[in-house]
């Protein structure tokens, strides 16, 4: 996922595994990169896909209400 001040990173846990989802625009398309951290904190990409409608709505809500550009 490209580094961007507009990238949203969300930490989650699923099936006992630490995961991070990153949301950012890539060539005018909001993409979601999901990485799981295996033992020893080794990152493993498990998904890279366009954002779903609900994810796009949540991302734009974050930009409008919670993003701090200072």
Protein backbone atom coordinates (compact mmCIF):
# COMPACT_ATOMS: atom_id res chain seq x y z
CA UNK A 1 0.00 0.00 0.00
CA UNK A 2 1.49 3.36 -0.91
CA UNK A 3 2.48 5.66 1.92
CA UNK A 4 -0.02 8.48 2.06
CA UNK A 5 -1.23 10.94 4.67
CA UNK A 6 -4.73 9.80 3.64
CA UNK A 7 -4.11 6.12 4.37
CA UNK A 8 -6.31 4.65 7.09
CA UNK A 9 -4.83 1.72 9.04
CA UNK A 10 -7.04 -0.44 11.25
CA UNK A 11 -5.67 -3.11 13.61
CA UNK A 12 -7.88 -6.16 14.19
CA UNK A 13 -7.63 -9.69 15.50
CA UNK A 14 -9.17 -12.71 13.81
CA UNK A 15 -8.77 -16.35 14.75
CA UNK A 16 -6.11 -15.31 17.25
CA UNK A 17 -4.02 -13.60 14.55
CA UNK A 18 -3.05 -9.92 14.59
CA UNK A 19 -4.17 -8.25 11.35
CA UNK A 20 -3.93 -4.81 9.83
CA UNK A 21 -6.20 -3.44 7.13
CA UNK A 22 -4.99 -0.41 5.21
CA UNK A 23 -7.31 1.75 3.11
CA UNK A 24 -5.91 4.14 0.48
CA UNK A 25 -6.55 5.33 -3.03
CA UNK A 26 -4.47 3.73 -5.78
CA UNK A 27 -5.03 5.28 -9.21
CA UNK A 28 -8.44 6.73 -8.23
CA UNK A 29 -9.69 3.45 -6.74
CA UNK A 30 -10.02 2.93 -2.97
CA UNK A 31 -8.19 -0.32 -2.22
CA UNK A 32 -7.98 -2.50 0.90
CA UNK A 33 -4.77 -4.32 1.81
CA UNK A 34 -5.08 -6.93 4.56
CA UNK A 35 -1.93 -8.19 6.25
CA UNK A 36 -1.72 -10.87 8.93
CA UNK A 37 1.30 -10.95 11.26
CA UNK A 38 2.57 -14.47 11.77
CA UNK A 39 4.63 -15.53 14.81
CA UNK A 40 7.76 -13.42 14.95
CA UNK A 41 5.83 -10.45 13.48
CA UNK A 42 6.42 -11.65 9.91
CA UNK A 43 3.87 -9.84 7.68
CA UNK A 44 1.89 -11.97 5.23
CA UNK A 45 -0.41 -10.33 2.65
CA UNK A 46 -3.70 -12.19 2.54
CA UNK A 47 -5.84 -9.82 0.47
CA UNK A 48 -5.60 -6.81 -1.84
CA UNK A 49 -8.92 -5.76 -3.31
CA UNK A 50 -11.16 -2.81 -4.13
CA UNK A 51 -13.09 -1.48 -1.12
CA UNK A 52 -16.72 -2.49 -0.70
CA UNK A 53 -19.40 0.20 -0.66
CA UNK A 54 -19.69 0.11 3.14
CA UNK A 55 -15.89 0.38 3.47
CA UNK A 56 -15.83 3.37 1.10
CA UNK A 57 -18.54 5.04 3.17
CA UNK A 58 -16.61 4.41 6.42
CA UNK A 59 -13.38 5.72 4.85
CA UNK A 60 -15.02 8.93 3.62
CA UNK A 61 -16.68 9.39 7.01
CA UNK A 62 -13.22 9.07 8.63
CA UNK A 63 -11.78 11.67 6.22
CA UNK A 64 -14.62 14.08 6.92
CA UNK A 65 -14.87 13.67 10.70
CA UNK A 66 -11.70 12.17 12.17
CA UNK A 67 -8.78 12.87 9.82
CA UNK A 68 -6.35 15.41 11.28
CA UNK A 69 -4.45 17.21 8.52
CA UNK A 70 -2.46 19.45 10.88
